[in-house]
Structures are given as C-alpha cells and as structure tokens.
C-alpha cells in the first residue's frame, strides 16, 4: 500500500513536467509557432493595458496638449467639406488649415503636424454619419483620437518585434516587444489624443523600412 501511494505521488509530481514537452510537440505538429503565439499574447496584453481607462478623465481634458488639439484645432479651426474645394489649397482661406490667418495679419499657432487632426476630423464625420451621434463634438472627438493612439501604439509593439527579429533574432524581437508593451511612458501616452504615439509608430515604421 505504501509503495502504491509513493508511486501515485511520484506520478502526480512528474506528470505536469512530462506534459510540457508533449504540449510543445503538439503545437508544433499543428503548425503553431510558439514565438508567434507568444507575440499574439503580448499584443493582446499591450492592447488591454492601453484600452483600459480610455475615459480616465471623464472628458475634462486634463492634458493641456490634448485640450489644445481638440478645442482649438479639430473643433474650431478645421472643417472638411465634400466635395473638395480649391480653397483647401489656399492657406489664407483654407477651412482645413490648422494655422489660419488672423485679422491682425498673423497666424494662429499649432506646434504639431496636421495629419493626426485630419484623420480624427474625417473619422469623426464618418462616424457621425453612421451612428447619428455627433462624434465631431468637443466632448466626443477626443475618444476617436485616443482610440487611434491606442491602435498605433499597439502597432508599435509589433514593429519592435519585427525590427528585433530582422536585426538579431525572433527571441530578441519578442523580448523587445514585451519591454515596449509594458513601458509606462508608452502606456501613458496612448491614453491621450496627442502626437506622441503617432510619431513613435511612424519612426519605428521608418526604421523597419530602412533595415
């Protein structure tokens, strides 16, 4: 009886370890690459920690740059009309110029590029036409910008993996993607409609294209 229980305890202690190689072999036979599987998990976790708290400030715009981009530019300065007009290309009268001319002869300032605000403004108009809710309004349009920041920053996690894989190895690429996925400043920046996540994504995309 003692030998029986010793045998059962021994099997219980060794069975989990014995199953690990068989599980790996099964996944490989099924054509599932473990590194790819791990990358998908990392991307899912990266997206999760970024999407949580997308409305963290309850619409109060506590980030001054985000408030400036939304209030001064997306809502007040630019307005895409359809069909396109030739006035779009005249900086003095263009309805899509984020730095329009003032009556005193000067120009309103805007320190960032126009691409993010154009994309968000267009998506706001499209979403409004689909849902019937004004997603171009001051109290909603920032959520479109934040959602894009989240998607782009999650995409940066993938770009880090691809760069590391191309330069050194897939293991190094995976390690780099894990580091960036849980990098506090990256997670923080993705919770705002600012240009930081956008700029980081396109910088890494440029690096990938150049190697």
N, C-alpha and C. Protein backbone atom coordinates (compact mmCIF):
# COMPACT_ATOMS: atom_id res chain seq x y z
N UNK A 1 0.83 -1.21 0.00
CA UNK A 1 0.00 0.00 0.00
C UNK A 1 0.86 1.26 0.00
N UNK A 2 1.95 1.25 0.83
CA UNK A 2 2.83 2.40 0.88
C UNK A 2 3.50 2.61 -0.47
N UNK A 3 3.93 1.53 -1.08
CA UNK A 3 4.57 1.63 -2.38
C UNK A 3 3.59 2.19 -3.42
N UNK A 4 2.32 1.78 -3.30
CA UNK A 4 1.31 2.26 -4.25
C UNK A 4 1.16 3.77 -4.17
N UNK A 5 1.03 4.28 -2.93
CA UNK A 5 0.86 5.72 -2.78
C UNK A 5 2.12 6.49 -3.18
N UNK A 6 3.29 5.91 -2.88
CA UNK A 6 4.52 6.55 -3.33
C UNK A 6 4.55 6.64 -4.85
N UNK A 7 4.11 5.57 -5.48
CA UNK A 7 4.07 5.57 -6.95
C UNK A 7 3.10 6.61 -7.47
N UNK A 8 1.91 6.71 -6.86
CA UNK A 8 0.91 7.69 -7.30
C UNK A 8 1.41 9.12 -7.08
N UNK A 9 2.05 9.34 -5.92
CA UNK A 9 2.57 10.68 -5.64
C UNK A 9 3.67 11.04 -6.62
N UNK A 10 4.51 10.07 -6.94
CA UNK A 10 5.58 10.31 -7.90
C UNK A 10 5.03 10.66 -9.27
N UNK A 11 3.99 9.96 -9.69
CA UNK A 11 3.37 10.27 -10.98
C UNK A 11 2.74 11.65 -10.97
N UNK A 12 2.11 11.99 -9.84
CA UNK A 12 1.46 13.30 -9.75
C UNK A 12 2.48 14.42 -9.81
N UNK A 13 3.67 14.17 -9.21
CA UNK A 13 4.69 15.21 -9.21
C UNK A 13 5.35 15.37 -10.56
N UNK A 14 5.45 14.31 -11.32
CA UNK A 14 6.18 14.38 -12.58
C UNK A 14 5.28 14.62 -13.77
N UNK A 15 3.97 14.36 -13.61
CA UNK A 15 3.08 14.45 -14.76
C UNK A 15 3.05 15.84 -15.40
N UNK A 16 2.94 16.97 -14.65
CA UNK A 16 2.91 18.29 -15.30
C UNK A 16 4.15 18.57 -16.12
N UNK A 17 5.34 18.20 -15.59
CA UNK A 17 6.56 18.44 -16.33
C UNK A 17 6.61 17.58 -17.59
N UNK A 18 6.11 16.35 -17.47
CA UNK A 18 6.13 15.46 -18.62
C UNK A 18 5.19 15.95 -19.72
N UNK A 19 4.14 16.67 -19.35
CA UNK A 19 3.16 17.12 -20.33
C UNK A 19 3.64 18.33 -21.12
N UNK A 20 4.60 19.09 -20.56
CA UNK A 20 5.07 20.29 -21.25
C UNK A 20 5.70 19.97 -22.59
N UNK A 21 6.65 19.04 -22.67
CA UNK A 21 7.23 18.71 -23.99
C UNK A 21 6.19 18.19 -24.96
N UNK A 22 5.23 17.39 -24.45
CA UNK A 22 4.20 16.86 -25.35
C UNK A 22 3.30 17.97 -25.87
N UNK A 23 3.00 18.97 -25.02
CA UNK A 23 2.19 20.10 -25.46
C UNK A 23 2.91 20.89 -26.53
N UNK A 24 4.21 21.14 -26.31
CA UNK A 24 5.01 21.87 -27.30
C UNK A 24 5.06 21.10 -28.62
N UNK A 25 5.24 19.78 -28.52
CA UNK A 25 5.29 18.95 -29.73
C UNK A 25 3.95 18.99 -30.46
N UNK A 26 2.86 18.96 -29.69
CA UNK A 26 1.53 19.01 -30.30
C UNK A 26 1.31 20.33 -31.03
N UNK A 27 1.73 21.43 -30.41
CA UNK A 27 1.57 22.74 -31.05
C UNK A 27 2.40 22.83 -32.32
N UNK A 28 3.60 22.29 -32.27
CA UNK A 28 4.45 22.32 -33.45
C UNK A 28 3.88 21.47 -34.57
N UNK A 29 3.34 20.30 -34.21
CA UNK A 29 2.72 19.46 -35.24
C UNK A 29 1.50 20.14 -35.86
N UNK A 30 0.83 20.96 -35.05
CA UNK A 30 -0.33 21.69 -35.56
C UNK A 30 0.06 22.91 -36.37
N UNK A 31 1.37 23.16 -36.49
CA UNK A 31 1.84 24.29 -37.27
C UNK A 31 1.81 25.61 -36.52
N UNK A 32 1.70 25.55 -35.20
CA UNK A 32 1.64 26.76 -34.38
C UNK A 32 3.04 27.05 -33.85
N UNK A 33 3.60 28.19 -34.24
CA UNK A 33 4.91 28.60 -33.76
C UNK A 33 4.78 29.24 -32.39
N UNK A 34 5.60 28.78 -31.46
CA UNK A 34 5.49 29.28 -30.08
C UNK A 34 5.81 30.76 -29.98
N UNK A 35 6.78 31.22 -30.78
CA UNK A 35 7.11 32.64 -30.74
C UNK A 35 5.95 33.48 -31.26
N UNK A 36 5.31 33.01 -32.32
CA UNK A 36 4.15 33.72 -32.85
C UNK A 36 3.01 33.74 -31.84
N UNK A 37 2.80 32.61 -31.18
CA UNK A 37 1.76 32.54 -30.15
C UNK A 37 2.07 33.51 -29.01
N UNK A 38 3.33 33.55 -28.59
CA UNK A 38 3.72 34.46 -27.53
C UNK A 38 3.54 35.91 -27.95
N UNK A 39 3.86 36.21 -29.21
CA UNK A 39 3.70 37.58 -29.72
C UNK A 39 2.23 38.00 -29.70
N UNK A 40 1.34 37.08 -30.07
CA UNK A 40 -0.10 37.39 -30.06
C UNK A 40 -0.56 37.69 -28.63
N UNK A 41 -0.05 36.94 -27.68
CA UNK A 41 -0.39 37.19 -26.28
C UNK A 41 0.11 38.57 -25.85
N UNK A 42 1.34 38.89 -26.22
CA UNK A 42 1.91 40.20 -25.87
C UNK A 42 1.10 41.33 -26.49
N UNK A 43 0.72 41.18 -27.76
CA UNK A 43 -0.08 42.21 -28.43
C UNK A 43 -1.45 42.37 -27.75
N UNK A 44 -2.05 41.25 -27.36
CA UNK A 44 -3.33 41.33 -26.68
C UNK A 44 -3.23 42.03 -25.34
N UNK A 45 -2.19 41.71 -24.60
CA UNK A 45 -1.99 42.37 -23.30
C UNK A 45 -1.66 43.85 -23.48
N UNK A 46 -0.85 44.15 -24.49
CA UNK A 46 -0.50 45.55 -24.75
C UNK A 46 -1.74 46.36 -25.08
N UNK A 47 -2.61 45.80 -25.90
CA UNK A 47 -3.86 46.49 -26.24
C UNK A 47 -4.74 46.65 -25.00
N UNK A 48 -4.80 45.62 -24.17
CA UNK A 48 -5.66 45.65 -22.99
C UNK A 48 -5.24 46.74 -22.01
N UNK A 49 -3.94 46.84 -21.73
CA UNK A 49 -3.50 47.84 -20.75
C UNK A 49 -3.61 49.25 -21.30
N UNK A 50 -3.77 49.38 -22.60
CA UNK A 50 -3.93 50.70 -23.20
C UNK A 50 -5.40 51.10 -23.33
N UNK A 51 -6.26 50.15 -23.62
CA UNK A 51 -7.68 50.49 -23.81
C UNK A 51 -8.38 50.73 -22.48
N UNK A 52 -7.88 50.09 -21.41
CA UNK A 52 -8.47 50.31 -20.09
C UNK A 52 -8.23 51.76 -19.65
N UNK A 53 -9.30 52.44 -19.29
CA UNK A 53 -9.17 53.82 -18.84
C UNK A 53 -9.14 54.83 -19.98
N UNK A 54 -9.72 54.48 -21.12
CA UNK A 54 -9.72 55.42 -22.26
C UNK A 54 -10.48 56.70 -21.88
N UNK A 55 -11.39 56.61 -20.93
CA UNK A 55 -12.13 57.78 -20.46
C UNK A 55 -11.68 58.18 -19.05
N UNK A 56 -10.40 58.07 -18.82
CA UNK A 56 -9.84 58.24 -17.47
C UNK A 56 -10.15 59.58 -16.83
N UNK A 57 -10.33 60.64 -17.63
CA UNK A 57 -10.55 61.97 -17.05
C UNK A 57 -11.99 62.44 -17.16
N UNK A 58 -12.89 61.53 -17.57
CA UNK A 58 -14.32 61.86 -17.69
C UNK A 58 -14.56 63.08 -18.57
N UNK A 59 -13.76 63.23 -19.62
CA UNK A 59 -13.96 64.32 -20.57
C UNK A 59 -13.53 65.68 -20.10
N UNK A 60 -12.70 65.75 -19.07
CA UNK A 60 -12.28 67.04 -18.53
C UNK A 60 -11.05 67.60 -19.23
N UNK A 61 -10.43 66.82 -20.11
CA UNK A 61 -9.25 67.27 -20.86
C UNK A 61 -8.15 67.79 -19.92
N UNK A 62 -7.69 66.92 -19.05
CA UNK A 62 -6.67 67.31 -18.09
C UNK A 62 -5.28 67.41 -18.71
N UNK A 63 -5.12 66.86 -19.91
CA UNK A 63 -3.84 67.01 -20.62
C UNK A 63 -3.92 68.27 -21.48
N UNK A 64 -3.09 69.28 -21.23
CA UNK A 64 -3.22 70.56 -21.95
C UNK A 64 -3.01 70.45 -23.45
N UNK A 65 -2.09 69.58 -23.90
CA UNK A 65 -1.87 69.44 -25.33
C UNK A 65 -3.08 68.81 -26.01
N UNK A 66 -3.67 67.83 -25.36
CA UNK A 66 -4.87 67.21 -25.93
C UNK A 66 -6.02 68.22 -26.01
N UNK A 67 -6.18 69.02 -24.98
CA UNK A 67 -7.23 70.04 -24.99
C UNK A 67 -6.99 71.05 -26.09
N UNK A 68 -5.74 71.44 -26.30
CA UNK A 68 -5.41 72.39 -27.37
C UNK A 68 -5.70 71.80 -28.74
N UNK A 69 -5.31 70.55 -28.96
CA UNK A 69 -5.53 69.91 -30.26
C UNK A 69 -7.02 69.80 -30.57
N UNK A 70 -7.79 69.40 -29.57
CA UNK A 70 -9.23 69.20 -29.80
C UNK A 70 -9.98 70.52 -29.87
N UNK A 71 -9.84 71.34 -28.84
CA UNK A 71 -10.65 72.56 -28.75
C UNK A 71 -10.25 73.60 -29.78
N UNK A 72 -8.96 73.85 -29.92
CA UNK A 72 -8.51 74.93 -30.79
C UNK A 72 -8.40 74.54 -32.26
N UNK A 73 -8.14 73.27 -32.53
CA UNK A 73 -7.87 72.88 -33.92
C UNK A 73 -8.98 72.02 -34.51
N UNK A 74 -9.21 70.84 -33.94
CA UNK A 74 -10.19 69.92 -34.53
C UNK A 74 -11.59 70.53 -34.54
N UNK A 75 -11.97 71.14 -33.44
CA UNK A 75 -13.34 71.67 -33.33
C UNK A 75 -13.47 73.05 -33.94
N UNK A 76 -12.52 73.94 -33.69
CA UNK A 76 -12.70 75.35 -34.06
C UNK A 76 -12.08 75.75 -35.40
N UNK A 77 -11.01 75.08 -35.82
CA UNK A 77 -10.27 75.60 -36.97
C UNK A 77 -10.48 74.83 -38.27
N UNK A 78 -10.63 73.53 -38.22
CA UNK A 78 -10.70 72.77 -39.47
C UNK A 78 -12.08 72.16 -39.66
N UNK A 79 -12.48 72.09 -40.92
CA UNK A 79 -13.78 71.51 -41.27
C UNK A 79 -13.71 71.03 -42.72
N UNK A 80 -13.67 69.72 -42.90
CA UNK A 80 -13.64 69.17 -44.24
C UNK A 80 -15.03 69.27 -44.87
N UNK A 81 -15.08 69.73 -46.09
CA UNK A 81 -16.33 69.82 -46.84
C UNK A 81 -16.27 68.85 -48.02
N UNK A 82 -17.41 68.42 -48.47
CA UNK A 82 -17.47 67.49 -49.59
C UNK A 82 -18.48 68.00 -50.62
N UNK A 83 -18.14 68.05 -51.89
CA UNK A 83 -16.86 67.62 -52.47
C UNK A 83 -15.72 68.59 -52.14
N UNK A 84 -14.47 68.15 -52.35
CA UNK A 84 -13.33 69.03 -52.06
C UNK A 84 -13.39 70.31 -52.86
N UNK A 85 -12.85 71.37 -52.27
CA UNK A 85 -12.85 72.67 -52.92
C UNK A 85 -11.42 73.14 -53.15
N UNK A 86 -11.25 74.00 -54.13
CA UNK A 86 -9.92 74.54 -54.41
C UNK A 86 -9.41 75.40 -53.27
N UNK A 87 -10.33 75.90 -52.44
CA UNK A 87 -9.92 76.74 -51.31
C UNK A 87 -9.11 75.95 -50.28
N UNK A 88 -9.18 74.63 -50.35
CA UNK A 88 -8.39 73.81 -49.44
C UNK A 88 -6.90 74.12 -49.56
N UNK A 89 -6.48 74.49 -50.75
CA UNK A 89 -5.06 74.66 -51.03
C UNK A 89 -4.59 76.10 -50.89
N UNK A 90 -5.47 76.98 -50.46
CA UNK A 90 -5.11 78.38 -50.20
C UNK A 90 -4.97 78.57 -48.70
N UNK A 91 -3.76 78.71 -48.18
CA UNK A 91 -3.58 78.79 -46.73
C UNK A 91 -4.29 79.98 -46.09
N UNK A 92 -4.59 80.99 -46.87
CA UNK A 92 -5.25 82.17 -46.30
C UNK A 92 -6.73 81.91 -46.02
N UNK A 93 -7.35 81.07 -46.84
CA UNK A 93 -8.79 80.84 -46.70
C UNK A 93 -9.15 79.38 -46.47
N UNK A 94 -8.18 78.50 -46.44
CA UNK A 94 -8.45 77.07 -46.35
C UNK A 94 -9.20 76.71 -45.06
N UNK A 95 -10.29 75.94 -45.18
CA UNK A 95 -11.02 75.51 -43.98
C UNK A 95 -10.33 74.36 -43.26
N UNK A 96 -9.23 73.86 -43.83
CA UNK A 96 -8.53 72.75 -43.18
C UNK A 96 -7.11 73.15 -42.75
N UNK A 97 -6.86 74.44 -42.70
CA UNK A 97 -5.55 74.92 -42.26
C UNK A 97 -5.54 75.03 -40.73
N UNK A 98 -4.72 74.21 -40.04
CA UNK A 98 -4.69 74.29 -38.57
C UNK A 98 -4.00 75.54 -38.05
N UNK A 99 -3.39 76.31 -38.97
CA UNK A 99 -2.73 77.57 -38.59
C UNK A 99 -3.31 78.71 -39.43
N UNK A 100 -4.59 79.01 -39.27
CA UNK A 100 -5.23 80.01 -40.12
C UNK A 100 -4.76 81.43 -39.85
N UNK A 101 -4.98 82.26 -40.84
CA UNK A 101 -4.61 83.67 -40.70
C UNK A 101 -5.58 84.39 -39.78
N UNK A 102 -5.04 85.33 -39.00
CA UNK A 102 -5.86 86.15 -38.13
C UNK A 102 -6.11 87.50 -38.78
N UNK A 103 -7.04 88.24 -38.21
CA UNK A 103 -7.37 89.55 -38.76
C UNK A 103 -6.23 90.54 -38.62
N UNK A 104 -5.33 90.34 -37.67
CA UNK A 104 -4.22 91.26 -37.48
C UNK A 104 -3.04 90.94 -38.40
N UNK A 105 -3.22 89.97 -39.29
CA UNK A 105 -2.16 89.62 -40.22
C UNK A 105 -1.28 88.48 -39.77
N UNK A 106 -1.40 88.07 -38.52
CA UNK A 106 -0.62 86.95 -38.02
C UNK A 106 -1.33 85.63 -38.27
N UNK A 107 -0.79 84.58 -37.70
CA UNK A 107 -1.36 83.24 -37.86
C UNK A 107 -1.48 82.58 -36.49
N UNK A 108 -2.55 81.82 -36.34
CA UNK A 108 -2.72 81.04 -35.12
C UNK A 108 -1.66 79.95 -35.07
N UNK A 109 -1.16 79.71 -33.87
CA UNK A 109 -0.09 78.73 -33.73
C UNK A 109 -0.60 77.31 -33.55
N UNK A 110 0.19 76.38 -34.04
CA UNK A 110 -0.06 74.96 -33.81
C UNK A 110 1.26 74.24 -33.97
N UNK A 111 1.74 73.62 -32.91
CA UNK A 111 3.11 73.10 -32.88
C UNK A 111 3.28 71.73 -33.50
N UNK A 112 2.18 71.09 -33.92
CA UNK A 112 2.27 69.72 -34.38
C UNK A 112 1.89 69.60 -35.86
N UNK A 113 2.06 68.40 -36.38
CA UNK A 113 1.68 68.15 -37.77
C UNK A 113 0.17 68.06 -37.93
N UNK A 114 -0.27 68.19 -39.17
CA UNK A 114 -1.71 68.24 -39.44
C UNK A 114 -2.32 66.86 -39.68
N UNK A 115 -1.50 65.83 -39.96
CA UNK A 115 -2.05 64.53 -40.32
C UNK A 115 -2.96 63.95 -39.23
N UNK A 116 -2.55 63.91 -37.96
CA UNK A 116 -3.44 63.34 -36.93
C UNK A 116 -4.78 64.06 -36.83
N UNK A 117 -4.78 65.38 -36.90
CA UNK A 117 -6.04 66.11 -36.76
C UNK A 117 -6.92 65.90 -37.97
N UNK A 118 -6.32 65.76 -39.15
CA UNK A 118 -7.12 65.48 -40.34
C UNK A 118 -7.80 64.12 -40.23
N UNK A 119 -7.02 63.11 -39.82
CA UNK A 119 -7.57 61.76 -39.71
C UNK A 119 -8.70 61.72 -38.70
N UNK A 120 -8.50 62.32 -37.54
CA UNK A 120 -9.51 62.31 -36.50
C UNK A 120 -10.76 63.09 -36.93
N UNK A 121 -10.57 64.22 -37.58
CA UNK A 121 -11.72 65.00 -38.03
C UNK A 121 -12.54 64.24 -39.06
N UNK A 122 -11.87 63.59 -40.00
CA UNK A 122 -12.58 62.82 -41.03
C UNK A 122 -13.30 61.63 -40.41
N UNK A 123 -12.62 60.91 -39.52
CA UNK A 123 -13.26 59.77 -38.87
C UNK A 123 -14.44 60.22 -38.01
N UNK A 124 -14.32 61.38 -37.39
CA UNK A 124 -15.43 61.91 -36.61
C UNK A 124 -16.65 62.16 -37.49
N UNK A 125 -16.42 62.71 -38.67
CA UNK A 125 -17.54 62.96 -39.60
C UNK A 125 -18.15 61.67 -40.11
N UNK A 126 -17.29 60.69 -40.44
CA UNK A 126 -17.78 59.40 -40.93
C UNK A 126 -18.58 58.68 -39.84
N UNK A 127 -18.03 58.66 -38.62
CA UNK A 127 -18.72 58.00 -37.51
C UNK A 127 -20.04 58.68 -37.19
N UNK A 128 -20.08 59.99 -37.31
CA UNK A 128 -21.32 60.73 -37.08
C UNK A 128 -22.38 60.33 -38.09
N UNK A 129 -22.00 60.22 -39.36
CA UNK A 129 -22.96 59.86 -40.40
C UNK A 129 -23.48 58.43 -40.23
N UNK A 130 -22.64 57.55 -39.64
CA UNK A 130 -23.05 56.16 -39.46
C UNK A 130 -23.93 55.98 -38.23
N UNK A 131 -23.54 56.61 -37.13
CA UNK A 131 -24.25 56.40 -35.86
C UNK A 131 -25.36 57.40 -35.59
N UNK A 132 -25.30 58.56 -36.24
CA UNK A 132 -26.27 59.59 -35.95
C UNK A 132 -25.92 60.42 -34.73
N UNK A 133 -24.85 60.08 -34.06
CA UNK A 133 -24.34 60.83 -32.90
C UNK A 133 -23.17 61.70 -33.34
N UNK A 134 -23.15 62.92 -32.86
CA UNK A 134 -22.11 63.86 -33.28
C UNK A 134 -20.78 63.52 -32.63
N UNK A 135 -19.96 62.72 -33.34
CA UNK A 135 -18.65 62.34 -32.82
C UNK A 135 -17.58 63.39 -33.15
N UNK A 136 -17.96 64.46 -33.80
CA UNK A 136 -17.04 65.57 -34.03
C UNK A 136 -17.16 66.63 -32.95
N UNK A 137 -18.05 66.41 -32.00
CA UNK A 137 -18.27 67.38 -30.92
C UNK A 137 -17.10 67.37 -29.94
N UNK A 138 -16.97 68.45 -29.22
CA UNK A 138 -15.86 68.63 -28.28
C UNK A 138 -15.80 67.52 -27.23
N UNK A 139 -16.95 67.06 -26.78
CA UNK A 139 -16.96 66.08 -25.70
C UNK A 139 -16.84 64.64 -26.17
N UNK A 140 -16.69 64.41 -27.51
CA UNK A 140 -16.60 63.04 -28.01
C UNK A 140 -15.39 62.79 -28.91
N UNK A 141 -14.97 63.79 -29.65
CA UNK A 141 -13.97 63.56 -30.69
C UNK A 141 -12.63 63.08 -30.11
N UNK A 142 -12.34 63.45 -28.87
CA UNK A 142 -11.08 63.02 -28.27
C UNK A 142 -11.01 61.50 -28.14
N UNK A 143 -12.17 60.85 -27.98
CA UNK A 143 -12.16 59.39 -27.83
C UNK A 143 -11.75 58.71 -29.14
N UNK A 144 -12.07 59.33 -30.26
CA UNK A 144 -11.60 58.80 -31.54
C UNK A 144 -10.08 58.94 -31.60
N UNK A 145 -9.57 60.09 -31.21
CA UNK A 145 -8.13 60.30 -31.19
C UNK A 145 -7.42 59.36 -30.24
N UNK A 146 -8.01 59.12 -29.08
CA UNK A 146 -7.39 58.21 -28.12
C UNK A 146 -7.41 56.78 -28.64
N UNK A 147 -8.50 56.39 -29.28
CA UNK A 147 -8.58 55.03 -29.84
C UNK A 147 -7.49 54.83 -30.90
N UNK A 148 -7.26 55.83 -31.72
CA UNK A 148 -6.20 55.73 -32.72
C UNK A 148 -4.82 55.69 -32.07
N UNK A 149 -4.63 56.44 -31.01
CA UNK A 149 -3.36 56.39 -30.28
C UNK A 149 -3.12 54.99 -29.73
N UNK A 150 -4.16 54.37 -29.22
CA UNK A 150 -4.05 53.01 -28.68
C UNK A 150 -3.70 52.02 -29.78
N UNK A 151 -4.38 52.11 -30.92
CA UNK A 151 -4.10 51.19 -32.03
C UNK A 151 -2.69 51.37 -32.57
N UNK A 152 -2.27 52.61 -32.72
CA UNK A 152 -0.93 52.87 -33.25
C UNK A 152 0.15 52.41 -32.27
N UNK A 153 -0.07 52.64 -30.98
CA UNK A 153 0.95 52.24 -30.01
C UNK A 153 1.00 50.72 -29.88
N UNK A 154 -0.13 50.05 -30.02
CA UNK A 154 -0.11 48.59 -30.07
C UNK A 154 0.62 48.12 -31.32
N UNK A 155 0.43 48.85 -32.41
CA UNK A 155 1.16 48.53 -33.63
C UNK A 155 2.66 48.71 -33.46
N UNK A 156 3.06 49.66 -32.63
CA UNK A 156 4.49 49.87 -32.37
C UNK A 156 5.10 48.65 -31.67
N UNK A 157 4.32 48.00 -30.83
CA UNK A 157 4.79 46.76 -30.19
C UNK A 157 5.16 45.74 -31.26
N UNK A 158 4.32 45.61 -32.27
CA UNK A 158 4.61 44.69 -33.37
C UNK A 158 5.84 45.13 -34.15
N UNK A 159 5.97 46.43 -34.37
CA UNK A 159 7.13 46.93 -35.11
C UNK A 159 8.43 46.66 -34.35
N UNK A 160 8.41 46.80 -33.04
CA UNK A 160 9.59 46.50 -32.23
C UNK A 160 9.98 45.03 -32.42
N UNK A 161 9.00 44.18 -32.41
CA UNK A 161 9.27 42.75 -32.62
C UNK A 161 9.89 42.51 -34.00
N UNK A 162 9.32 43.12 -35.02
CA UNK A 162 9.81 42.91 -36.37
C UNK A 162 11.23 43.44 -36.55
N UNK A 163 11.51 44.58 -35.95
CA UNK A 163 12.87 45.14 -36.05
C UNK A 163 13.87 44.24 -35.34
N UNK A 164 13.55 43.83 -34.11
CA UNK A 164 14.44 42.95 -33.38
C UNK A 164 14.66 41.62 -34.08
N UNK A 165 13.59 41.09 -34.68
CA UNK A 165 13.70 39.82 -35.40
C UNK A 165 14.58 39.95 -36.62
N UNK A 166 14.45 41.07 -37.32
CA UNK A 166 15.22 41.26 -38.55
C UNK A 166 16.69 41.54 -38.25
N UNK A 167 16.96 42.27 -37.18
CA UNK A 167 18.33 42.65 -36.88
C UNK A 167 19.09 41.53 -36.17
N UNK A 168 18.44 40.87 -35.20
CA UNK A 168 19.14 39.86 -34.40
C UNK A 168 18.45 38.50 -34.49
N UNK A 169 17.31 38.36 -33.80
CA UNK A 169 16.60 37.09 -33.80
C UNK A 169 15.17 37.32 -33.35
N UNK A 170 14.33 36.31 -33.56
CA UNK A 170 12.93 36.41 -33.14
C UNK A 170 12.82 36.47 -31.62
N UNK A 171 13.72 35.80 -30.93
CA UNK A 171 13.70 35.83 -29.47
C UNK A 171 13.99 37.24 -28.96
N UNK A 172 14.97 37.90 -29.56
CA UNK A 172 15.29 39.28 -29.18
C UNK A 172 14.12 40.21 -29.54
N UNK A 173 13.53 39.98 -30.69
CA UNK A 173 12.37 40.78 -31.09
C UNK A 173 11.23 40.63 -30.12
N UNK A 174 10.98 39.40 -29.67
CA UNK A 174 9.91 39.16 -28.70
C UNK A 174 10.22 39.84 -27.37
N UNK A 175 11.47 39.74 -26.93
CA UNK A 175 11.85 40.39 -25.67
C UNK A 175 11.67 41.90 -25.77
N UNK A 176 12.05 42.49 -26.90
CA UNK A 176 11.87 43.92 -27.08
C UNK A 176 10.41 44.33 -27.09
N UNK A 177 9.57 43.50 -27.71
CA UNK A 177 8.14 43.81 -27.75
C UNK A 177 7.52 43.75 -26.36
N UNK A 178 7.99 42.83 -25.53
CA UNK A 178 7.49 42.74 -24.15
C UNK A 178 7.87 44.00 -23.38
N UNK A 179 9.11 44.45 -23.55
CA UNK A 179 9.56 45.66 -22.85
C UNK A 179 8.72 46.86 -23.26
N UNK A 180 8.51 47.03 -24.58
CA UNK A 180 7.74 48.19 -25.03
C UNK A 180 6.26 48.06 -24.65
N UNK A 181 5.73 46.85 -24.67
CA UNK A 181 4.32 46.66 -24.36
C UNK A 181 3.97 47.17 -22.97
N UNK A 182 4.91 47.03 -22.04
CA UNK A 182 4.63 47.43 -20.65
C UNK A 182 5.47 48.63 -20.22
N UNK A 183 5.95 49.39 -21.20
CA UNK A 183 6.71 50.60 -20.89
C UNK A 183 5.75 51.67 -20.37
N UNK A 184 5.94 52.16 -19.14
CA UNK A 184 4.97 53.08 -18.55
C UNK A 184 4.70 54.32 -19.39
N UNK A 185 5.74 54.95 -19.94
CA UNK A 185 5.53 56.18 -20.70
C UNK A 185 4.73 55.91 -21.97
N UNK A 186 4.92 54.73 -22.57
CA UNK A 186 4.17 54.39 -23.77
C UNK A 186 2.70 54.17 -23.43
N UNK A 187 2.45 53.48 -22.33
CA UNK A 187 1.06 53.24 -21.91
C UNK A 187 0.38 54.56 -21.57
N UNK A 188 1.11 55.44 -20.88
CA UNK A 188 0.54 56.73 -20.52
C UNK A 188 0.21 57.56 -21.76
N UNK A 189 1.14 57.64 -22.70
CA UNK A 189 0.95 58.47 -23.89
C UNK A 189 -0.22 57.97 -24.74
N UNK A 190 -0.44 56.66 -24.74
CA UNK A 190 -1.52 56.11 -25.56
C UNK A 190 -2.90 56.43 -25.01
N UNK A 191 -2.97 56.96 -23.80
CA UNK A 191 -4.26 57.34 -23.22
C UNK A 191 -4.66 58.77 -23.59
N UNK A 192 -3.86 59.44 -24.43
CA UNK A 192 -4.17 60.81 -24.84
C UNK A 192 -4.27 60.89 -26.35
N UNK A 193 -5.05 61.83 -26.82
CA UNK A 193 -5.02 62.18 -28.24
C UNK A 193 -3.96 63.26 -28.42
N UNK A 194 -2.71 62.82 -28.42
CA UNK A 194 -1.57 63.69 -28.72
C UNK A 194 -0.76 63.02 -29.81
N UNK A 195 0.30 63.67 -30.25
CA UNK A 195 1.05 63.14 -31.39
C UNK A 195 2.12 62.13 -30.98
N UNK A 196 2.33 61.91 -29.69
CA UNK A 196 3.43 61.07 -29.24
C UNK A 196 3.36 59.64 -29.79
N UNK A 197 2.21 59.00 -29.63
CA UNK A 197 2.05 57.62 -30.10
C UNK A 197 2.11 57.55 -31.62
N UNK A 198 1.56 58.56 -32.28
CA UNK A 198 1.62 58.62 -33.74
C UNK A 198 3.06 58.72 -34.21
N UNK A 199 3.80 59.65 -33.62
CA UNK A 199 5.18 59.87 -34.03
C UNK A 199 6.04 58.63 -33.78
N UNK A 200 5.86 58.00 -32.62
CA UNK A 200 6.63 56.81 -32.30
C UNK A 200 6.36 55.69 -33.31
N UNK A 201 5.10 55.51 -33.65
CA UNK A 201 4.74 54.46 -34.61
C UNK A 201 5.44 54.67 -35.95
N UNK A 202 5.38 55.88 -36.46
CA UNK A 202 5.96 56.13 -37.80
C UNK A 202 7.48 56.15 -37.76
N UNK A 203 8.08 56.51 -36.64
CA UNK A 203 9.54 56.41 -36.51
C UNK A 203 9.97 54.95 -36.59
N UNK A 204 9.30 54.08 -35.84
CA UNK A 204 9.65 52.67 -35.88
C UNK A 204 9.34 52.04 -37.25
N UNK A 205 8.25 52.50 -37.89
CA UNK A 205 7.94 52.00 -39.22
C UNK A 205 9.02 52.40 -40.21
N UNK A 206 9.55 53.61 -40.07
CA UNK A 206 10.64 54.07 -40.93
C UNK A 206 11.91 53.26 -40.68
N UNK A 207 12.19 52.98 -39.40
CA UNK A 207 13.37 52.15 -39.09
C UNK A 207 13.24 50.76 -39.70
N UNK A 208 12.06 50.19 -39.61
CA UNK A 208 11.84 48.85 -40.17
C UNK A 208 12.02 48.87 -41.68
N UNK A 209 11.53 49.92 -42.32
CA UNK A 209 11.65 50.02 -43.77
C UNK A 209 13.10 50.22 -44.22
N UNK A 210 13.93 50.74 -43.31
CA UNK A 210 15.31 51.05 -43.69
C UNK A 210 16.30 49.95 -43.38
N UNK A 211 15.85 48.83 -42.84
CA UNK A 211 16.80 47.77 -42.50
C UNK A 211 16.52 46.51 -43.31
